[in-house]
């Protein structure tokens, strides 16, 4: 289990079953990609629900998302790995196909480089929080540019 390798400050106070709950039981989409080819090695239920019927685990980022080639999404993720610098994007629009229905959502995204014992980047952690309801609220609260007639 990946959980066996996690270290936290104050681990004496942590109960062993809390770590898996942090990964599995939250509404935040989490996935772990390993190596320079960015192969999915783990994902929580929220992430798998978001991607629908798509097979992710064991595939590289490019294999899992061929439709993203040339859009800049894959290239941005590869830059995070190559540079070892996190990427944060707010209200990123995304469209998912779920049961043959396209669903448009907005997420706050964090791509966090993961490092081996020597400090070299050897993976990425993907975190996304669905903020669609907030984006809709922003749009409703925004002042109208068209006059009321």
Protein backbone atom coordinates (compact mmCIF):
# COMPACT_ATOMS: atom_id res chain seq x y z
CA UNK A 1 0.00 0.00 0.00
CA UNK A 2 1.18 3.51 -0.76
CA UNK A 3 0.02 4.55 2.70
CA UNK A 4 2.92 2.68 4.33
CA UNK A 5 5.38 5.19 2.88
CA UNK A 6 3.66 8.35 4.10
CA UNK A 7 5.30 10.40 6.85
CA UNK A 8 3.66 13.23 8.73
CA UNK A 9 4.93 15.51 11.45
CA UNK A 10 3.38 14.31 14.68
CA UNK A 11 2.82 10.74 13.49
CA UNK A 12 2.77 9.52 17.08
CA UNK A 13 -0.67 11.09 17.46
CA UNK A 14 -2.04 9.71 14.18
CA UNK A 15 -4.10 6.56 14.19
CA UNK A 16 -3.08 4.03 11.55
CA UNK A 17 -6.50 3.96 9.90
CA UNK A 18 -6.59 7.74 9.41
CA UNK A 19 -4.10 7.77 6.53
CA UNK A 20 -6.20 5.63 4.18
CA UNK A 21 -9.22 7.73 5.13
CA UNK A 22 -7.39 10.88 4.05
CA UNK A 23 -6.91 9.33 0.62
CA UNK A 24 -10.20 7.49 0.17
CA UNK A 25 -12.82 9.26 2.19
CA UNK A 26 -12.58 12.85 1.02
CA UNK A 27 -14.49 14.53 -1.78
CA UNK A 28 -11.26 15.83 -3.26
CA UNK A 29 -10.15 13.97 -6.40
CA UNK A 30 -6.70 12.46 -5.79
CA UNK A 31 -4.46 10.51 -8.15
CA UNK A 32 -0.79 9.55 -8.00
CA UNK A 33 1.32 9.38 -11.16
CA UNK A 34 4.78 7.78 -11.14
CA UNK A 35 7.86 8.18 -13.31
CA UNK A 36 8.69 10.47 -16.23
CA UNK A 37 6.01 8.79 -18.35
CA UNK A 38 3.46 9.81 -15.67
CA UNK A 39 1.81 6.43 -15.14
CA UNK A 40 -1.28 6.36 -12.90
CA UNK A 41 -0.54 4.11 -9.92
CA UNK A 42 -3.33 5.11 -7.53
CA UNK A 43 -6.57 7.08 -7.48
CA UNK A 44 -9.26 7.60 -4.91
CA UNK A 45 -12.98 7.05 -5.37
CA UNK A 46 -13.69 10.73 -6.06
CA UNK A 47 -11.19 10.76 -8.93
CA UNK A 48 -12.49 7.50 -10.40
CA UNK A 49 -16.06 8.77 -10.18
CA UNK A 50 -15.06 11.98 -11.97
CA UNK A 51 -13.42 10.12 -14.87
CA UNK A 52 -16.34 7.71 -15.24
CA UNK A 53 -15.79 4.49 -17.16
CA UNK A 54 -12.28 5.45 -18.30
CA UNK A 55 -9.51 2.99 -17.38
CA UNK A 56 -6.79 4.94 -15.60
CA UNK A 57 -4.66 2.78 -13.30
CA UNK A 58 -1.62 1.35 -15.11
CA UNK A 59 -1.91 3.79 -18.01
CA UNK A 60 0.26 6.78 -18.70
CA UNK A 61 -1.25 10.25 -18.77
CA UNK A 62 -1.01 10.30 -22.58
CA UNK A 63 -2.61 6.84 -22.90
CA UNK A 64 -5.44 7.73 -20.54
CA UNK A 65 -6.23 11.10 -22.14
CA UNK A 66 -5.40 10.96 -25.88
CA UNK A 67 -7.89 13.76 -26.57
CA UNK A 68 -5.75 16.17 -24.51
CA UNK A 69 -2.76 15.88 -26.89
CA UNK A 70 -1.89 19.33 -28.19
CA UNK A 71 -4.20 21.19 -25.78
CA UNK A 72 -1.43 22.14 -23.37
CA UNK A 73 -2.83 20.10 -20.44
CA UNK A 74 -0.44 17.17 -20.81
CA UNK A 75 2.48 19.44 -21.59
CA UNK A 76 1.80 21.53 -18.45
CA UNK A 77 1.73 18.36 -16.35
CA UNK A 78 5.00 17.17 -17.89
CA UNK A 79 6.57 20.56 -17.05
CA UNK A 80 5.57 20.15 -13.39
CA UNK A 81 7.44 16.83 -13.36
CA UNK A 82 10.47 18.17 -15.26
CA UNK A 83 10.85 21.36 -13.19
CA UNK A 84 9.78 19.94 -9.85
CA UNK A 85 7.52 22.95 -9.27
CA UNK A 86 3.89 22.68 -8.20
CA UNK A 87 1.10 24.02 -10.39
CA UNK A 88 -2.11 25.50 -9.01
CA UNK A 89 -5.02 26.39 -11.30
CA UNK A 90 -8.29 27.86 -10.06
CA UNK A 91 -11.65 27.22 -11.73
CA UNK A 92 -10.20 25.07 -14.49
CA UNK A 93 -13.03 24.11 -16.87
CA UNK A 94 -13.25 20.43 -17.73
CA UNK A 95 -15.73 18.28 -19.58
CA UNK A 96 -16.19 14.64 -18.61
CA UNK A 97 -18.07 11.92 -20.42
CA UNK A 98 -20.18 10.02 -17.91
CA UNK A 99 -22.44 7.29 -19.21
CA UNK A 100 -22.38 8.85 -22.69
CA UNK A 101 -23.38 12.26 -21.31
CA UNK A 102 -20.97 15.19 -21.34
CA UNK A 103 -20.76 16.94 -17.98
CA UNK A 104 -19.03 20.33 -17.67
CA UNK A 105 -17.37 21.08 -14.35
CA UNK A 106 -14.86 23.50 -12.88
CA UNK A 107 -12.09 22.39 -10.52
CA UNK A 108 -9.38 23.95 -8.43
CA UNK A 109 -6.32 21.90 -9.35
CA UNK A 110 -3.01 21.24 -7.62
CA UNK A 111 -0.25 19.20 -9.27
CA UNK A 112 2.40 18.49 -6.64
CA UNK A 113 5.78 16.92 -7.50
CA UNK A 114 6.76 13.90 -5.39
CA UNK A 115 10.43 13.19 -4.60
CA UNK A 116 12.50 10.10 -3.87
CA UNK A 117 14.85 9.82 -0.87
CA UNK A 118 17.58 11.67 -2.80
CA UNK A 119 15.29 14.59 -3.67
CA UNK A 120 14.78 13.72 -7.35
CA UNK A 121 11.26 14.05 -8.73
CA UNK A 122 9.78 10.58 -9.24
CA UNK A 123 6.05 11.25 -9.39
CA UNK A 124 3.17 13.67 -9.14
CA UNK A 125 0.20 13.98 -6.84
CA UNK A 126 -2.97 15.28 -8.51
CA UNK A 127 -5.57 17.01 -6.34
CA UNK A 128 -8.77 18.52 -7.71
CA UNK A 129 -11.74 20.02 -5.91
CA UNK A 130 -14.99 20.47 -7.82
CA UNK A 131 -15.92 24.16 -7.55
CA UNK A 132 -18.66 24.17 -10.19
CA UNK A 133 -21.23 25.43 -7.69
CA UNK A 134 -18.98 28.37 -6.80
CA UNK A 135 -18.36 29.31 -10.42
CA UNK A 136 -22.11 29.29 -11.03
CA UNK A 137 -22.58 31.54 -8.01
CA UNK A 138 -19.89 33.96 -9.30
CA UNK A 139 -21.66 34.15 -12.62
CA UNK A 140 -25.03 34.83 -10.96
CA UNK A 141 -23.52 37.52 -8.70
CA UNK A 142 -21.59 39.23 -11.49
CA UNK A 143 -23.00 42.59 -12.57
CA UNK A 144 -24.82 42.50 -15.85
CA UNK A 145 -23.31 44.40 -18.75
CA UNK A 146 -26.63 44.56 -20.56
CA UNK A 147 -29.09 47.28 -19.50
CA UNK A 148 -32.43 46.26 -18.07
CA UNK A 149 -35.13 47.26 -20.54
